[in-house]
Protein backbone atom coordinates (compact mmCIF):
# COMPACT_ATOMS: atom_id res chain seq x y z
CA MET A 1 -3.06 -13.46 22.75
CA ASN A 2 1.18 -14.21 22.13
CA HIS A 3 2.01 -17.88 20.70
CA LYS A 4 5.43 -18.77 21.18
CA PRO A 5 6.49 -20.82 17.89
CA SER A 6 6.69 -24.28 18.20
CA VAL A 7 9.71 -24.83 15.91
CA ARG A 8 12.12 -22.58 14.75
CA PRO A 9 10.61 -19.32 13.04
CA ARG A 10 11.15 -19.14 9.46
CA VAL A 11 12.15 -15.92 7.23
CA ALA A 12 10.76 -14.50 4.08
CA VAL A 13 11.95 -11.39 2.78
CA PHE A 14 9.65 -9.43 0.49
CA ALA A 15 9.95 -6.18 -1.54
CA GLY A 16 6.67 -4.56 -2.67
CA GLY A 17 7.17 -0.81 -2.71
CA CYS A 18 7.13 1.26 0.43
CA PHE A 19 7.92 -0.90 3.79
CA TRP A 20 5.64 0.99 5.78
CA CYS A 21 3.08 -0.46 3.54
CA THR A 22 4.40 -3.74 3.63
CA GLU A 23 5.46 -3.94 7.39
CA ALA A 24 1.80 -2.92 8.29
CA VAL A 25 -0.13 -5.83 6.05
CA PHE A 26 2.17 -8.90 7.43
CA LYS A 27 2.15 -7.66 10.92
CA GLU A 28 -1.84 -8.75 11.41
CA LEU A 29 -1.19 -12.16 9.94
CA GLU A 30 -2.07 -15.16 12.06
CA GLY A 31 1.23 -16.96 12.69
CA VAL A 32 3.77 -13.82 11.71
CA LEU A 33 5.97 -13.49 14.83
CA ASP A 34 7.66 -10.29 13.77
CA VAL A 35 8.10 -7.76 10.59
CA ILE A 36 11.51 -5.89 10.29
CA PRO A 37 11.49 -3.21 7.65
CA GLY A 38 15.17 -2.30 5.80
CA TYR A 39 17.47 -2.76 2.89
CA THR A 40 18.22 -5.90 0.71
CA GLY A 41 19.59 -6.59 -2.80
CA GLY A 42 22.03 -3.88 -3.26
CA ARG A 43 25.85 -2.57 -3.13
CA THR A 44 26.13 -0.48 0.00
CA GLU A 45 27.40 -1.46 3.12
CA HIS A 46 25.07 -0.28 6.39
CA PRO A 47 22.68 1.67 3.77
CA THR A 48 20.68 4.53 5.17
CA TYR A 49 17.07 5.62 4.69
CA GLU A 50 18.48 8.23 2.37
CA GLN A 51 20.98 6.37 0.47
CA VAL A 52 18.47 4.11 -0.50
CA SER A 53 15.97 7.08 -1.47
CA THR A 54 18.11 8.29 -4.19
CA GLY A 55 17.83 4.80 -6.16
CA GLU A 56 21.38 4.17 -6.36
CA THR A 57 22.42 1.97 -3.75
CA GLY A 58 20.71 -1.02 -5.49
CA HIS A 59 18.57 -1.63 -2.23
CA ALA A 60 15.13 -2.48 -2.41
CA GLU A 61 13.04 -1.11 0.61
CA ALA A 62 11.99 -4.69 1.97
CA VAL A 63 10.79 -6.69 5.21
CA MET A 64 12.11 -9.58 6.77
CA VAL A 65 9.13 -11.95 8.04
CA LEU A 66 9.68 -14.00 10.75
CA TYR A 67 6.96 -16.92 10.88
CA ASP A 68 6.14 -19.76 12.84
CA PRO A 69 6.06 -22.86 9.74
CA GLU A 70 3.11 -24.89 11.72
CA ARG A 71 0.63 -21.97 11.71
CA ILE A 72 1.18 -20.02 8.84
CA GLY A 73 3.26 -21.69 5.40
CA TYR A 74 5.18 -19.68 2.83
CA ASP A 75 2.63 -20.29 0.19
CA ARG A 76 0.14 -18.01 2.31
CA LEU A 77 2.65 -15.60 2.41
CA LEU A 78 3.17 -15.36 -0.93
CA GLU A 79 -0.52 -14.66 -1.45
CA VAL A 80 -0.67 -11.72 0.23
CA PHE A 81 2.21 -10.53 -0.65
CA PHE A 82 0.95 -10.76 -4.32
CA ALA A 83 -2.28 -9.65 -3.23
CA THR A 84 -1.26 -6.47 -1.28
CA HIS A 85 0.78 -4.42 -4.31
CA ASP A 86 0.98 -4.36 -7.81
CA PRO A 87 3.39 -7.10 -9.30
CA THR A 88 2.73 -5.74 -12.62
CA GLN A 89 4.62 -2.45 -11.98
CA LEU A 90 8.21 -2.24 -13.06
CA ASN A 91 10.09 -0.10 -10.17
CA ARG A 92 7.35 1.83 -8.94
CA GLN A 93 4.13 1.02 -6.25
CA GLY A 94 1.80 4.32 -6.98
CA ASN A 95 3.66 7.24 -6.59
CA ASP A 96 6.82 5.88 -5.17
CA ILE A 97 9.25 5.34 -8.26
CA GLY A 98 12.17 3.96 -8.34
CA THR A 99 14.56 0.68 -8.17
CA GLN A 100 13.74 0.70 -4.25
CA TYR A 101 10.31 0.42 -4.80
CA ARG A 102 10.65 -2.97 -6.95
CA SER A 103 8.50 -5.89 -6.68
CA ALA A 104 10.83 -8.73 -5.29
CA VAL A 105 10.76 -12.05 -3.77
CA PHE A 106 14.11 -12.69 -1.83
CA TYR A 107 14.67 -16.54 -1.51
CA THR A 108 16.18 -17.83 1.15
CA ASP A 109 16.42 -21.54 -0.10
CA ALA A 110 15.46 -23.62 -2.96
CA GLY A 111 12.04 -24.08 -1.52
CA GLN A 112 10.82 -20.68 -1.29
CA GLU A 113 12.80 -19.85 -4.71
CA GLU A 114 10.31 -23.20 -6.27
CA ALA A 115 7.63 -21.89 -4.80
CA ALA A 116 7.36 -18.22 -5.56
CA ARG A 117 8.32 -19.23 -9.51
CA ALA A 118 5.01 -21.53 -9.39
CA TYR A 119 3.14 -18.87 -7.68
CA ILE A 120 3.90 -16.46 -10.11
CA ARG A 121 3.57 -18.92 -12.94
CA PHE A 122 0.32 -19.63 -11.30
CA LEU A 123 -0.77 -15.98 -11.86
CA GLU A 124 0.17 -15.63 -15.34
CA GLU A 125 -1.64 -18.91 -16.55
CA GLU A 126 -5.16 -17.80 -14.65
CA GLY A 127 -4.42 -14.24 -15.76
CA VAL A 128 -5.08 -12.88 -12.33
CA PHE A 129 -3.41 -9.27 -13.74
CA ASP A 130 -3.85 -7.87 -17.33
CA ARG A 131 -0.15 -7.40 -17.34
CA PRO A 132 2.93 -9.92 -16.82
CA VAL A 133 4.30 -10.06 -13.13
CA VAL A 134 7.66 -8.31 -12.98
CA THR A 135 8.49 -9.35 -9.32
CA GLU A 136 12.17 -10.50 -9.50
CA VAL A 137 12.52 -14.07 -7.52
CA VAL A 138 16.19 -13.55 -6.47
CA PRO A 139 18.64 -14.73 -3.88
CA ALA A 140 18.51 -13.64 -0.20
CA SER A 141 21.66 -11.14 0.64
CA VAL A 142 22.27 -9.21 3.43
CA PHE A 143 19.42 -7.39 5.00
CA TRP A 144 19.91 -4.56 6.27
CA PRO A 145 17.29 -3.42 9.20
CA ALA A 146 16.26 0.14 8.82
CA GLU A 147 16.60 2.89 11.21
CA ASP A 148 14.09 3.09 14.46
CA TYR A 149 11.87 5.13 13.14
CA HIS A 150 10.35 3.45 10.46
CA LYS A 151 9.57 0.41 12.78
CA ASN A 152 6.24 0.33 13.20
CA TYR A 153 5.50 3.64 11.32
CA LEU A 154 1.69 3.11 10.85
CA GLU A 155 1.58 2.59 14.56
CA LYS A 156 3.43 5.38 15.26
CA HIS A 157 1.96 7.99 13.13
CA PRO A 158 -1.66 7.31 12.03
CA GLU A 159 -1.94 10.69 10.99
CA ASN A 160 0.44 11.07 8.87
CA PRO A 161 -1.01 12.00 5.41
CA TYR A 162 0.75 9.08 3.59
CA CYS A 163 -0.35 6.55 6.47
CA ARG A 164 -3.72 8.21 6.00
CA TYR A 165 -4.30 8.03 2.10
CA VAL A 166 -1.91 5.36 0.99
CA ILE A 167 -1.60 2.22 3.63
CA MET A 168 -4.89 2.56 5.50
CA PRO A 169 -6.97 2.04 2.20
CA LYS A 170 -4.56 -1.06 1.69
CA LEU A 171 -4.67 -2.38 4.92
CA GLU A 172 -8.68 -1.98 4.87
CA LYS A 173 -8.42 -4.33 1.41
CA PHE A 174 -6.29 -6.72 2.82
CA ARG A 175 -8.73 -7.37 5.84
CA ARG A 176 -11.85 -7.52 3.90
CA ARG A 177 -9.73 -10.09 1.78
CA PHE A 178 -7.89 -12.27 4.50
CA GLY A 179 -10.04 -11.11 7.54
CA GLU A 180 -10.18 -14.67 8.93
CA ARG A 181 -5.96 -14.98 8.76
CA LEU A 182 -5.27 -12.35 10.85
CA LYS A 183 -4.26 -12.48 14.56
CA ARG A 184 -7.14 -12.08 16.84
CA LYS A 185 -6.95 -9.06 19.15
């Protein structure tokens, strides 16, 4: 079922490891209109996957989430973001290692910054993780969309071993936890 946004879509930008994983999760949320994998937070203009993969550009693999704020709030996006990756791992997620896989919230306004910092405080105060949260909360900078072959990667390559053994288990865990918030197909 397609819903047209009732208000202008808002933008959220998150980096939580490989953007194939992050894209797959956010695409299934009710109220999310589009998810664009790309690169942000670095120094190189028009970076390529090969350049970002070296860890030398300063960019993180990230997703730009376009969402309808009347159907899903930024706080809910933060909840999903922190529940679907390990925000206590510095510059890595699982076997993906390097600054390009860092955990980061790239805020677009003061409200997003405040919400992200408050959510991290909540996680720390509640002892949700047994180690400190290392997620960066930094201003959004230029977002460079990834090459077309990265878009909808899981849908295009479900047989890929990374998709089968990394993305699918993460997605199944996400679906169990957030099932009532998924798009109805």
